[in-house]
N, C-alpha and C. Protein backbone atom coordinates (compact mmCIF):
# COMPACT_ATOMS: atom_id res chain seq x y z
N UNK A 1 10.76 -27.10 0.00
CA UNK A 1 10.65 -26.82 -1.43
C UNK A 1 9.87 -25.51 -1.68
N UNK A 2 8.78 -25.29 -0.91
CA UNK A 2 8.00 -24.08 -1.08
C UNK A 2 8.82 -22.83 -0.78
N UNK A 3 9.65 -22.92 0.28
CA UNK A 3 10.48 -21.78 0.65
C UNK A 3 11.52 -21.48 -0.43
N UNK A 4 12.06 -22.54 -1.02
CA UNK A 4 13.04 -22.35 -2.10
C UNK A 4 12.38 -21.71 -3.31
N UNK A 5 11.19 -22.19 -3.67
CA UNK A 5 10.46 -21.61 -4.79
C UNK A 5 10.11 -20.16 -4.53
N UNK A 6 9.70 -19.87 -3.29
CA UNK A 6 9.37 -18.49 -2.93
C UNK A 6 10.59 -17.59 -3.08
N UNK A 7 11.76 -18.08 -2.65
CA UNK A 7 12.98 -17.29 -2.71
C UNK A 7 13.34 -16.95 -4.16
N UNK A 8 13.29 -17.94 -5.04
CA UNK A 8 13.65 -17.70 -6.44
C UNK A 8 12.60 -16.85 -7.15
N UNK A 9 11.34 -17.01 -6.78
CA UNK A 9 10.29 -16.15 -7.34
C UNK A 9 10.49 -14.70 -6.90
N UNK A 10 10.93 -14.54 -5.66
CA UNK A 10 11.20 -13.20 -5.12
C UNK A 10 12.32 -12.54 -5.91
N UNK A 11 13.38 -13.29 -6.17
CA UNK A 11 14.52 -12.76 -6.93
C UNK A 11 14.11 -12.36 -8.34
N UNK A 12 13.34 -13.22 -8.99
CA UNK A 12 12.88 -12.91 -10.34
C UNK A 12 11.96 -11.69 -10.35
N UNK A 13 11.12 -11.58 -9.34
CA UNK A 13 10.14 -10.50 -9.30
C UNK A 13 10.80 -9.13 -9.12
N UNK A 14 11.93 -9.09 -8.40
CA UNK A 14 12.57 -7.81 -8.10
C UNK A 14 13.96 -7.71 -8.71
N UNK A 15 14.18 -8.41 -9.81
CA UNK A 15 15.52 -8.51 -10.39
C UNK A 15 16.11 -7.16 -10.80
N UNK A 16 15.28 -6.19 -11.19
CA UNK A 16 15.81 -4.90 -11.66
C UNK A 16 16.32 -4.01 -10.52
N UNK A 17 15.88 -4.30 -9.30
CA UNK A 17 16.28 -3.46 -8.16
C UNK A 17 16.72 -4.34 -6.99
N UNK A 18 17.29 -5.47 -7.28
CA UNK A 18 17.54 -6.49 -6.27
C UNK A 18 18.46 -6.02 -5.14
N UNK A 19 19.52 -5.29 -5.47
CA UNK A 19 20.45 -4.84 -4.43
C UNK A 19 19.77 -3.89 -3.46
N UNK A 20 18.97 -2.95 -4.00
CA UNK A 20 18.25 -2.02 -3.13
C UNK A 20 17.24 -2.76 -2.25
N UNK A 21 16.57 -3.74 -2.85
CA UNK A 21 15.56 -4.50 -2.10
C UNK A 21 16.20 -5.22 -0.93
N UNK A 22 17.30 -5.94 -1.17
CA UNK A 22 17.96 -6.69 -0.09
C UNK A 22 18.48 -5.75 1.00
N UNK A 23 19.07 -4.62 0.59
CA UNK A 23 19.62 -3.68 1.57
C UNK A 23 18.53 -3.15 2.50
N UNK A 24 17.41 -2.68 1.91
CA UNK A 24 16.37 -2.09 2.75
C UNK A 24 15.58 -3.13 3.53
N UNK A 25 15.45 -4.35 3.00
CA UNK A 25 14.79 -5.40 3.77
C UNK A 25 15.59 -5.70 5.04
N UNK A 26 16.91 -5.80 4.90
CA UNK A 26 17.75 -6.08 6.07
C UNK A 26 17.73 -4.90 7.04
N UNK A 27 17.92 -3.69 6.51
CA UNK A 27 18.02 -2.50 7.36
C UNK A 27 16.75 -2.27 8.17
N UNK A 28 15.61 -2.27 7.49
CA UNK A 28 14.36 -1.96 8.19
C UNK A 28 13.81 -3.15 8.97
N UNK A 29 14.13 -4.36 8.56
CA UNK A 29 13.72 -5.53 9.34
C UNK A 29 14.38 -5.49 10.71
N UNK A 30 15.64 -5.10 10.74
CA UNK A 30 16.34 -4.97 12.02
C UNK A 30 15.80 -3.79 12.82
N UNK A 31 15.52 -2.69 12.15
CA UNK A 31 15.03 -1.50 12.86
C UNK A 31 13.66 -1.74 13.48
N UNK A 32 12.77 -2.42 12.75
CA UNK A 32 11.41 -2.64 13.24
C UNK A 32 11.25 -3.99 13.94
N UNK A 33 12.30 -4.78 14.00
CA UNK A 33 12.20 -6.07 14.65
C UNK A 33 11.26 -7.03 13.95
N UNK A 34 11.25 -6.95 12.63
CA UNK A 34 10.33 -7.76 11.81
C UNK A 34 11.16 -8.67 10.90
N UNK A 35 11.82 -9.64 11.49
CA UNK A 35 12.70 -10.50 10.73
C UNK A 35 11.94 -11.45 9.81
N UNK A 36 10.74 -11.86 10.25
CA UNK A 36 9.89 -12.72 9.43
C UNK A 36 8.58 -11.98 9.17
N UNK A 37 8.36 -11.47 7.97
CA UNK A 37 7.14 -10.70 7.68
C UNK A 37 5.88 -11.56 7.79
N UNK A 38 4.83 -10.96 8.31
CA UNK A 38 3.56 -11.66 8.45
C UNK A 38 2.84 -11.72 7.11
N UNK A 39 2.30 -12.88 6.78
CA UNK A 39 1.57 -13.07 5.53
C UNK A 39 0.39 -14.00 5.77
N UNK A 40 -0.61 -13.89 4.91
CA UNK A 40 -1.74 -14.81 4.98
C UNK A 40 -2.24 -15.10 3.57
N UNK A 41 -2.32 -16.39 3.25
CA UNK A 41 -2.87 -16.81 1.97
C UNK A 41 -4.35 -17.14 2.16
N UNK A 42 -5.19 -16.62 1.28
CA UNK A 42 -6.62 -16.90 1.41
C UNK A 42 -7.23 -17.11 0.03
N UNK A 43 -8.16 -18.01 -0.03
CA UNK A 43 -8.84 -18.29 -1.29
C UNK A 43 -10.09 -17.43 -1.39
N UNK A 44 -9.90 -16.22 -1.92
CA UNK A 44 -10.99 -15.27 -2.03
C UNK A 44 -11.00 -14.74 -3.46
N UNK A 45 -12.14 -14.77 -4.11
CA UNK A 45 -12.20 -14.36 -5.51
C UNK A 45 -12.22 -12.84 -5.69
N UNK A 46 -12.34 -12.10 -4.59
CA UNK A 46 -12.40 -10.65 -4.68
C UNK A 46 -11.16 -9.96 -4.12
N UNK A 47 -10.52 -10.59 -3.13
CA UNK A 47 -9.40 -9.95 -2.44
C UNK A 47 -8.13 -10.78 -2.56
N UNK A 48 -7.01 -10.09 -2.68
CA UNK A 48 -5.73 -10.77 -2.84
C UNK A 48 -5.20 -11.26 -1.50
N UNK A 49 -4.14 -12.06 -1.53
CA UNK A 49 -3.50 -12.54 -0.30
C UNK A 49 -2.86 -11.37 0.44
N UNK A 50 -2.67 -11.56 1.73
CA UNK A 50 -2.03 -10.52 2.55
C UNK A 50 -0.52 -10.68 2.44
N UNK A 51 0.07 -9.93 1.52
CA UNK A 51 1.51 -9.99 1.26
C UNK A 51 2.12 -8.62 1.58
N UNK A 52 3.18 -8.56 2.38
CA UNK A 52 3.75 -7.26 2.77
C UNK A 52 4.44 -6.54 1.61
N UNK A 53 4.33 -5.23 1.62
CA UNK A 53 5.05 -4.39 0.65
C UNK A 53 6.53 -4.39 1.02
N UNK A 54 7.41 -4.47 0.03
CA UNK A 54 8.84 -4.47 0.32
C UNK A 54 9.26 -3.12 0.90
N UNK A 55 10.26 -3.13 1.76
CA UNK A 55 10.70 -1.92 2.44
C UNK A 55 11.30 -0.89 1.48
N UNK A 56 11.90 -1.33 0.39
CA UNK A 56 12.45 -0.36 -0.55
C UNK A 56 11.35 0.52 -1.13
N UNK A 57 10.23 -0.06 -1.51
CA UNK A 57 9.11 0.72 -2.00
C UNK A 57 8.57 1.65 -0.91
N UNK A 58 8.51 1.15 0.31
CA UNK A 58 8.04 2.00 1.42
C UNK A 58 8.99 3.16 1.66
N UNK A 59 10.27 2.92 1.50
CA UNK A 59 11.27 3.98 1.64
C UNK A 59 11.04 5.07 0.59
N UNK A 60 10.77 4.66 -0.65
CA UNK A 60 10.49 5.61 -1.73
C UNK A 60 9.18 6.36 -1.47
N UNK A 61 8.17 5.66 -0.97
CA UNK A 61 6.90 6.30 -0.64
C UNK A 61 7.10 7.33 0.46
N UNK A 62 7.89 6.97 1.46
CA UNK A 62 8.16 7.88 2.57
C UNK A 62 8.81 9.17 2.08
N UNK A 63 9.77 9.07 1.16
CA UNK A 63 10.42 10.26 0.60
C UNK A 63 9.42 11.13 -0.15
N UNK A 64 8.54 10.50 -0.91
CA UNK A 64 7.54 11.24 -1.67
C UNK A 64 6.58 11.98 -0.73
N UNK A 65 6.16 11.33 0.33
CA UNK A 65 5.24 11.94 1.29
C UNK A 65 5.89 13.15 1.96
N UNK A 66 7.14 13.01 2.31
CA UNK A 66 7.87 14.13 2.93
C UNK A 66 8.03 15.29 1.96
N UNK A 67 8.40 15.00 0.73
CA UNK A 67 8.62 16.03 -0.28
C UNK A 67 7.35 16.81 -0.57
N UNK A 68 6.22 16.13 -0.57
CA UNK A 68 4.95 16.77 -0.92
C UNK A 68 4.14 17.19 0.30
N UNK A 69 4.75 17.09 1.48
CA UNK A 69 4.15 17.57 2.73
C UNK A 69 2.75 16.99 2.96
N UNK A 70 2.64 15.70 2.71
CA UNK A 70 1.37 15.00 2.93
C UNK A 70 1.23 14.72 4.42
N UNK A 71 0.06 15.03 4.98
CA UNK A 71 -0.14 14.96 6.42
C UNK A 71 -0.79 13.66 6.89
N UNK A 72 -1.46 12.94 5.98
CA UNK A 72 -2.09 11.69 6.37
C UNK A 72 -2.27 10.79 5.15
N UNK A 73 -2.33 9.48 5.41
CA UNK A 73 -2.51 8.52 4.33
C UNK A 73 -3.56 7.49 4.74
N UNK A 74 -4.14 6.83 3.74
CA UNK A 74 -5.07 5.73 3.98
C UNK A 74 -4.59 4.53 3.17
N UNK A 75 -4.34 3.43 3.84
CA UNK A 75 -3.92 2.20 3.18
C UNK A 75 -5.14 1.27 3.06
N UNK A 76 -5.56 1.01 1.83
CA UNK A 76 -6.72 0.16 1.58
C UNK A 76 -6.27 -1.29 1.48
N UNK A 77 -6.74 -2.12 2.40
CA UNK A 77 -6.24 -3.49 2.48
C UNK A 77 -4.95 -3.51 3.26
N UNK A 78 -5.00 -3.00 4.48
CA UNK A 78 -3.78 -2.71 5.24
C UNK A 78 -3.12 -3.93 5.86
N UNK A 79 -3.77 -5.08 5.82
CA UNK A 79 -3.15 -6.30 6.32
C UNK A 79 -2.69 -6.18 7.76
N UNK A 80 -1.45 -6.60 8.00
CA UNK A 80 -0.90 -6.58 9.36
C UNK A 80 -0.30 -5.22 9.73
N UNK A 81 -0.38 -4.25 8.83
CA UNK A 81 -0.02 -2.88 9.19
C UNK A 81 1.38 -2.43 8.86
N UNK A 82 2.09 -3.17 8.00
CA UNK A 82 3.47 -2.77 7.70
C UNK A 82 3.52 -1.37 7.10
N UNK A 83 2.64 -1.06 6.17
CA UNK A 83 2.66 0.25 5.51
C UNK A 83 2.34 1.37 6.48
N UNK A 84 1.25 1.24 7.22
CA UNK A 84 0.84 2.33 8.12
C UNK A 84 1.83 2.50 9.26
N UNK A 85 2.36 1.41 9.80
CA UNK A 85 3.34 1.52 10.88
C UNK A 85 4.62 2.19 10.40
N UNK A 86 5.07 1.81 9.23
CA UNK A 86 6.29 2.37 8.66
C UNK A 86 6.15 3.87 8.45
N UNK A 87 5.09 4.28 7.76
CA UNK A 87 4.93 5.69 7.41
C UNK A 87 4.61 6.56 8.61
N UNK A 88 3.87 6.03 9.55
CA UNK A 88 3.57 6.79 10.76
C UNK A 88 4.83 7.02 11.59
N UNK A 89 5.69 6.02 11.63
CA UNK A 89 6.93 6.12 12.41
C UNK A 89 7.94 7.05 11.75
N UNK A 90 8.18 6.88 10.46
CA UNK A 90 9.21 7.65 9.78
C UNK A 90 8.77 9.06 9.43
N UNK A 91 7.50 9.24 9.09
CA UNK A 91 7.04 10.55 8.62
C UNK A 91 6.27 11.34 9.66
N UNK A 92 5.97 10.72 10.79
CA UNK A 92 5.23 11.40 11.86
C UNK A 92 3.90 11.95 11.34
N UNK A 93 3.17 11.10 10.62
CA UNK A 93 1.88 11.51 10.07
C UNK A 93 0.79 10.58 10.58
N UNK A 94 -0.46 10.97 10.34
CA UNK A 94 -1.58 10.10 10.67
C UNK A 94 -1.71 9.04 9.59
N UNK A 95 -1.82 7.80 10.01
CA UNK A 95 -1.93 6.70 9.06
C UNK A 95 -3.18 5.88 9.38
N UNK A 96 -4.04 5.75 8.39
CA UNK A 96 -5.27 4.98 8.55
C UNK A 96 -5.15 3.70 7.72
N UNK A 97 -5.57 2.59 8.30
CA UNK A 97 -5.56 1.32 7.58
C UNK A 97 -6.93 0.68 7.62
N UNK A 98 -7.39 0.20 6.47
CA UNK A 98 -8.68 -0.49 6.39
C UNK A 98 -8.44 -1.92 5.93
N UNK A 99 -8.81 -2.88 6.75
CA UNK A 99 -8.59 -4.30 6.45
C UNK A 99 -9.91 -5.07 6.56
N UNK A 100 -10.18 -5.92 5.58
CA UNK A 100 -11.43 -6.67 5.54
C UNK A 100 -11.41 -7.88 6.46
N UNK A 101 -10.28 -8.55 6.55
CA UNK A 101 -10.15 -9.80 7.31
C UNK A 101 -10.11 -9.52 8.81
N UNK A 102 -11.08 -10.06 9.56
CA UNK A 102 -11.18 -9.78 11.00
C UNK A 102 -9.98 -10.32 11.78
N UNK A 103 -9.54 -11.53 11.45
CA UNK A 103 -8.41 -12.12 12.17
C UNK A 103 -7.12 -11.33 11.94
N UNK A 104 -6.89 -10.94 10.70
CA UNK A 104 -5.71 -10.14 10.38
C UNK A 104 -5.79 -8.79 11.10
N UNK A 105 -6.97 -8.19 11.10
CA UNK A 105 -7.17 -6.90 11.77
C UNK A 105 -6.84 -7.00 13.26
N UNK A 106 -7.30 -8.05 13.92
CA UNK A 106 -7.06 -8.22 15.35
C UNK A 106 -5.56 -8.34 15.64
N UNK A 107 -4.85 -9.09 14.79
CA UNK A 107 -3.40 -9.23 14.97
C UNK A 107 -2.69 -7.90 14.72
N UNK A 108 -3.18 -7.13 13.74
CA UNK A 108 -2.57 -5.83 13.43
C UNK A 108 -2.72 -4.85 14.59
N UNK A 109 -3.84 -4.93 15.30
CA UNK A 109 -4.06 -4.03 16.44
C UNK A 109 -3.01 -4.23 17.54
N UNK A 110 -2.50 -5.45 17.65
CA UNK A 110 -1.53 -5.77 18.70
C UNK A 110 -0.17 -5.13 18.46
N UNK A 111 0.13 -4.80 17.19
CA UNK A 111 1.48 -4.30 16.86
C UNK A 111 1.45 -2.91 16.23
N UNK A 112 0.30 -2.24 16.29
CA UNK A 112 0.20 -0.93 15.64
C UNK A 112 1.02 0.11 16.38
N UNK A 113 1.54 1.07 15.62
CA UNK A 113 2.39 2.12 16.18
C UNK A 113 1.57 3.37 16.52
N UNK A 114 2.21 4.30 17.18
CA UNK A 114 1.59 5.56 17.53
C UNK A 114 1.22 6.33 16.25
N UNK A 115 0.04 6.93 16.27
CA UNK A 115 -0.41 7.69 15.10
C UNK A 115 -1.15 6.85 14.08
N UNK A 116 -1.31 5.56 14.37
CA UNK A 116 -1.99 4.65 13.43
C UNK A 116 -3.40 4.37 13.92
N UNK A 117 -4.36 4.44 13.01
CA UNK A 117 -5.74 4.05 13.30
C UNK A 117 -6.13 2.95 12.32
N UNK A 118 -6.65 1.85 12.86
CA UNK A 118 -7.00 0.70 12.05
C UNK A 118 -8.50 0.44 12.10
N UNK A 119 -9.06 0.12 10.96
CA UNK A 119 -10.49 -0.14 10.84
C UNK A 119 -10.69 -1.49 10.16
N UNK A 120 -11.75 -2.17 10.55
CA UNK A 120 -12.06 -3.46 9.95
C UNK A 120 -13.38 -3.36 9.18
N UNK A 121 -13.37 -3.81 7.93
CA UNK A 121 -14.60 -3.77 7.15
C UNK A 121 -14.33 -3.66 5.67
N UNK A 122 -15.39 -3.60 4.92
CA UNK A 122 -15.34 -3.46 3.47
C UNK A 122 -15.16 -1.99 3.12
N UNK A 123 -14.13 -1.66 2.35
CA UNK A 123 -13.84 -0.26 2.03
C UNK A 123 -15.02 0.42 1.36
N UNK A 124 -15.86 -0.35 0.66
CA UNK A 124 -17.00 0.24 -0.02
C UNK A 124 -18.10 0.67 0.95
N UNK A 125 -17.98 0.28 2.21
CA UNK A 125 -18.94 0.70 3.23
C UNK A 125 -18.46 1.91 4.01
N UNK A 126 -17.28 2.43 3.67
CA UNK A 126 -16.73 3.59 4.35
C UNK A 126 -16.96 4.86 3.52
N UNK A 127 -17.23 5.95 4.21
CA UNK A 127 -17.30 7.25 3.54
C UNK A 127 -15.88 7.81 3.49
N UNK A 128 -15.32 7.87 2.30
CA UNK A 128 -13.91 8.22 2.15
C UNK A 128 -13.59 9.62 2.63
N UNK A 129 -14.57 10.53 2.55
CA UNK A 129 -14.34 11.91 3.00
C UNK A 129 -14.00 11.97 4.48
N UNK A 130 -14.49 11.01 5.26
CA UNK A 130 -14.29 11.06 6.71
C UNK A 130 -12.82 10.89 7.09
N UNK A 131 -12.03 10.29 6.24
CA UNK A 131 -10.60 10.15 6.53
C UNK A 131 -9.87 11.48 6.39
N UNK A 132 -10.44 12.40 5.61
CA UNK A 132 -9.84 13.72 5.37
C UNK A 132 -8.39 13.60 4.92
N UNK A 133 -8.15 12.68 4.01
CA UNK A 133 -6.80 12.44 3.50
C UNK A 133 -6.79 12.58 1.99
N UNK A 134 -5.73 13.21 1.48
CA UNK A 134 -5.60 13.36 0.02
C UNK A 134 -4.56 12.39 -0.56
N UNK A 135 -4.28 11.32 0.20
CA UNK A 135 -3.32 10.32 -0.29
C UNK A 135 -3.77 8.93 0.13
N UNK A 136 -4.13 8.11 -0.86
CA UNK A 136 -4.54 6.73 -0.61
C UNK A 136 -3.52 5.78 -1.22
N UNK A 137 -3.36 4.64 -0.57
CA UNK A 137 -2.37 3.65 -1.01
C UNK A 137 -3.07 2.32 -1.28
N UNK A 138 -2.75 1.74 -2.42
CA UNK A 138 -3.29 0.42 -2.78
C UNK A 138 -2.13 -0.54 -3.02
N UNK A 139 -1.96 -1.51 -2.13
CA UNK A 139 -0.95 -2.55 -2.34
C UNK A 139 -1.68 -3.73 -2.99
N UNK A 140 -2.21 -3.50 -4.17
CA UNK A 140 -2.92 -4.52 -4.95
C UNK A 140 -3.96 -5.28 -4.13
N UNK A 141 -4.96 -4.59 -3.55
CA UNK A 141 -5.93 -5.30 -2.70
C UNK A 141 -7.07 -5.98 -3.45
N UNK A 142 -7.35 -5.53 -4.68
CA UNK A 142 -8.50 -6.05 -5.41
C UNK A 142 -8.08 -7.05 -6.50
N UNK A 143 -8.75 -8.20 -6.55
CA UNK A 143 -8.47 -9.16 -7.61
C UNK A 143 -9.10 -8.75 -8.94
N UNK A 144 -10.25 -8.10 -8.85
CA UNK A 144 -11.00 -7.73 -10.06
C UNK A 144 -10.77 -6.26 -10.41
N UNK A 145 -10.45 -6.00 -11.67
CA UNK A 145 -10.20 -4.64 -12.12
C UNK A 145 -11.43 -3.76 -11.93
N UNK A 146 -12.61 -4.34 -12.12
CA UNK A 146 -13.84 -3.55 -11.99
C UNK A 146 -14.03 -3.06 -10.55
N UNK A 147 -13.62 -3.86 -9.57
CA UNK A 147 -13.71 -3.42 -8.17
C UNK A 147 -12.71 -2.30 -7.89
N UNK A 148 -11.51 -2.45 -8.44
CA UNK A 148 -10.50 -1.39 -8.27
C UNK A 148 -10.98 -0.09 -8.87
N UNK A 149 -11.50 -0.14 -10.08
CA UNK A 149 -11.97 1.08 -10.74
C UNK A 149 -13.20 1.67 -10.05
N UNK A 150 -14.03 0.81 -9.50
CA UNK A 150 -15.18 1.29 -8.73
C UNK A 150 -14.71 2.12 -7.54
N UNK A 151 -13.68 1.62 -6.87
CA UNK A 151 -13.13 2.37 -5.74
C UNK A 151 -12.48 3.67 -6.20
N UNK A 152 -11.70 3.62 -7.26
CA UNK A 152 -10.98 4.80 -7.73
C UNK A 152 -11.92 5.90 -8.19
N UNK A 153 -13.04 5.55 -8.78
CA UNK A 153 -14.01 6.56 -9.19
C UNK A 153 -14.62 7.25 -7.97
N UNK A 154 -14.78 6.50 -6.89
CA UNK A 154 -15.25 7.11 -5.63
C UNK A 154 -14.19 8.04 -5.06
N UNK A 155 -12.94 7.57 -5.08
CA UNK A 155 -11.85 8.37 -4.53
C UNK A 155 -11.66 9.67 -5.30
N UNK A 156 -11.81 9.60 -6.60
CA UNK A 156 -11.61 10.78 -7.44
C UNK A 156 -12.56 11.92 -7.08
N UNK A 157 -13.73 11.57 -6.55
CA UNK A 157 -14.77 12.57 -6.28
C UNK A 157 -14.60 13.28 -4.94
N UNK A 158 -13.81 12.72 -4.03
CA UNK A 158 -13.69 13.35 -2.72
C UNK A 158 -12.72 14.53 -2.78
N UNK A 159 -12.85 15.46 -1.84
CA UNK A 159 -11.96 16.61 -1.71
C UNK A 159 -11.70 17.27 -3.07
N UNK A 160 -12.74 17.74 -3.74
CA UNK A 160 -12.58 18.26 -5.11
C UNK A 160 -11.67 19.48 -5.22
N UNK A 161 -11.48 20.19 -4.12
CA UNK A 161 -10.66 21.40 -4.16
C UNK A 161 -9.21 21.18 -3.73
N UNK A 162 -8.83 19.93 -3.58
CA UNK A 162 -7.46 19.62 -3.20
C UNK A 162 -6.85 18.65 -4.20
N UNK A 163 -5.56 18.79 -4.45
CA UNK A 163 -4.86 17.79 -5.24
C UNK A 163 -4.81 16.49 -4.43
N UNK A 164 -5.01 15.38 -5.10
CA UNK A 164 -4.99 14.08 -4.43
C UNK A 164 -3.91 13.21 -5.07
N UNK A 165 -3.46 12.22 -4.28
CA UNK A 165 -2.43 11.30 -4.76
C UNK A 165 -2.89 9.86 -4.55
N UNK A 166 -2.55 9.04 -5.51
CA UNK A 166 -2.80 7.60 -5.40
C UNK A 166 -1.47 6.89 -5.56
N UNK A 167 -1.13 6.08 -4.57
CA UNK A 167 0.12 5.31 -4.61
C UNK A 167 -0.25 3.84 -4.77
N UNK A 168 0.26 3.21 -5.81
CA UNK A 168 -0.06 1.81 -6.06
C UNK A 168 1.21 0.97 -6.07
N UNK A 169 1.07 -0.25 -5.58
CA UNK A 169 2.18 -1.21 -5.59
C UNK A 169 1.71 -2.50 -6.24
N UNK A 170 2.44 -2.93 -7.25
CA UNK A 170 2.19 -4.19 -7.96
C UNK A 170 0.83 -4.22 -8.67
N UNK A 171 0.36 -3.05 -9.08
CA UNK A 171 -0.83 -2.98 -9.92
C UNK A 171 -0.38 -2.68 -11.34
N UNK A 172 -0.53 -3.65 -12.20
CA UNK A 172 -0.02 -3.50 -13.56
C UNK A 172 -1.03 -3.92 -14.62
N UNK A 173 -2.16 -4.48 -14.20
CA UNK A 173 -3.18 -4.91 -15.16
C UNK A 173 -4.26 -3.84 -15.32
N UNK A 174 -4.66 -3.59 -16.56
CA UNK A 174 -5.74 -2.65 -16.81
C UNK A 174 -5.33 -1.20 -16.67
N UNK A 175 -6.13 -0.32 -17.21
CA UNK A 175 -5.87 1.11 -17.15
C UNK A 175 -6.65 1.75 -16.01
N UNK A 176 -6.07 2.78 -15.43
CA UNK A 176 -6.77 3.52 -14.40
C UNK A 176 -7.74 4.51 -15.06
N UNK A 177 -8.77 4.95 -14.33
CA UNK A 177 -9.72 5.91 -14.90
C UNK A 177 -9.01 7.21 -15.32
N UNK A 178 -9.70 7.99 -16.10
CA UNK A 178 -9.15 9.27 -16.57
C UNK A 178 -8.82 10.19 -15.40
N UNK A 179 -7.88 11.09 -15.66
CA UNK A 179 -7.44 12.11 -14.70
C UNK A 179 -6.48 11.58 -13.63
N UNK A 180 -6.13 10.30 -13.68
CA UNK A 180 -5.07 9.79 -12.81
C UNK A 180 -3.76 9.90 -13.58
N UNK A 181 -2.99 10.93 -13.25
CA UNK A 181 -1.79 11.26 -14.01
C UNK A 181 -0.54 10.67 -13.35
N UNK A 182 0.15 9.79 -14.07
CA UNK A 182 1.34 9.14 -13.53
C UNK A 182 2.48 10.15 -13.38
N UNK A 183 3.02 10.27 -12.15
CA UNK A 183 4.10 11.22 -11.90
C UNK A 183 5.38 10.55 -11.39
N UNK A 184 5.28 9.25 -11.07
CA UNK A 184 6.46 8.52 -10.60
C UNK A 184 6.27 7.04 -10.89
N UNK A 185 7.35 6.39 -11.30
CA UNK A 185 7.26 4.96 -11.57
C UNK A 185 8.60 4.29 -11.29
N UNK A 186 8.58 3.17 -10.58
CA UNK A 186 9.76 2.36 -10.33
C UNK A 186 9.39 0.90 -10.66
N UNK A 187 10.02 0.36 -11.70
CA UNK A 187 9.70 -0.98 -12.17
C UNK A 187 10.75 -1.97 -11.70
N UNK A 188 10.31 -2.96 -10.94
CA UNK A 188 11.22 -4.02 -10.50
C UNK A 188 11.22 -5.17 -11.49
N UNK A 189 10.09 -5.41 -12.12
CA UNK A 189 9.92 -6.42 -13.15
C UNK A 189 8.56 -6.17 -13.80
N UNK A 190 8.13 -7.07 -14.63
CA UNK A 190 6.87 -6.88 -15.34
C UNK A 190 5.68 -6.74 -14.39
N UNK A 191 5.67 -7.49 -13.30
CA UNK A 191 4.52 -7.49 -12.41
C UNK A 191 4.82 -6.98 -11.00
N UNK A 192 5.96 -6.34 -10.83
CA UNK A 192 6.28 -5.73 -9.53
C UNK A 192 6.68 -4.27 -9.77
N UNK A 193 5.92 -3.36 -9.24
CA UNK A 193 6.16 -1.95 -9.55
C UNK A 193 5.57 -1.04 -8.49
N UNK A 194 6.14 0.13 -8.40
CA UNK A 194 5.61 1.21 -7.56
C UNK A 194 5.26 2.37 -8.49
N UNK A 195 4.01 2.83 -8.41
CA UNK A 195 3.57 3.95 -9.23
C UNK A 195 2.80 4.96 -8.39
N UNK A 196 3.02 6.23 -8.70
CA UNK A 196 2.33 7.29 -7.98
C UNK A 196 1.61 8.18 -8.98
N UNK A 197 0.34 8.43 -8.69
CA UNK A 197 -0.50 9.23 -9.57
C UNK A 197 -0.98 10.48 -8.84
N UNK A 198 -1.21 11.52 -9.61
CA UNK A 198 -1.76 12.76 -9.07
C UNK A 198 -3.10 13.03 -9.74
N UNK A 199 -4.09 13.39 -8.92
CA UNK A 199 -5.39 13.79 -9.43
C UNK A 199 -5.54 15.27 -9.12
N UNK A 200 -5.48 16.10 -10.12
CA UNK A 200 -5.50 17.55 -9.91
C UNK A 200 -6.87 18.03 -9.43
N UNK A 201 -6.84 19.07 -8.61
CA UNK A 201 -8.08 19.66 -8.12
C UNK A 201 -8.80 20.38 -9.25
N UNK A 202 -10.08 20.61 -9.03
CA UNK A 202 -10.88 21.29 -10.05
C UNK A 202 -10.60 22.77 -10.07
């Protein structure tokens, strides 16, 4: 019954782009040998469950990264590494992933691809400048809007002389801080979306 409910919820969630979603899930699942995506449900009041980003959104992110000649990315709440493995493989870039859950991190290390670096810990304990990346990705890692905005205000301050990009998936509640300019949006439904923001240099 749970699997049936999950299937119908999936269809409803991505109803506006359903054909693209099914095509890319099949295509890339076969390419990466990931027929059953890894997930973890956890009862945490600060962090969301470990749910993989759909391959169609990753395909769109990959095109954006190539077009804008982005050399490295940081995935906050990287889970089992689907995002970093995908982008490192297709775009030949450095991909950094930060995951809070130790067990998930250990499993991700076993399947990480070339060019991927994975870190375990609380993102608020990391100095963001050390990643030397102007593109961060959030696959809805924070349950509380105040935690998300706390992180974004830190991100906005790094690399002041470079344009920065923020890529978000399934973040639809609350407004982002000022100076995060929306430059791309793909809406699958009310609560499933891909959005890309640009933070201009000073």
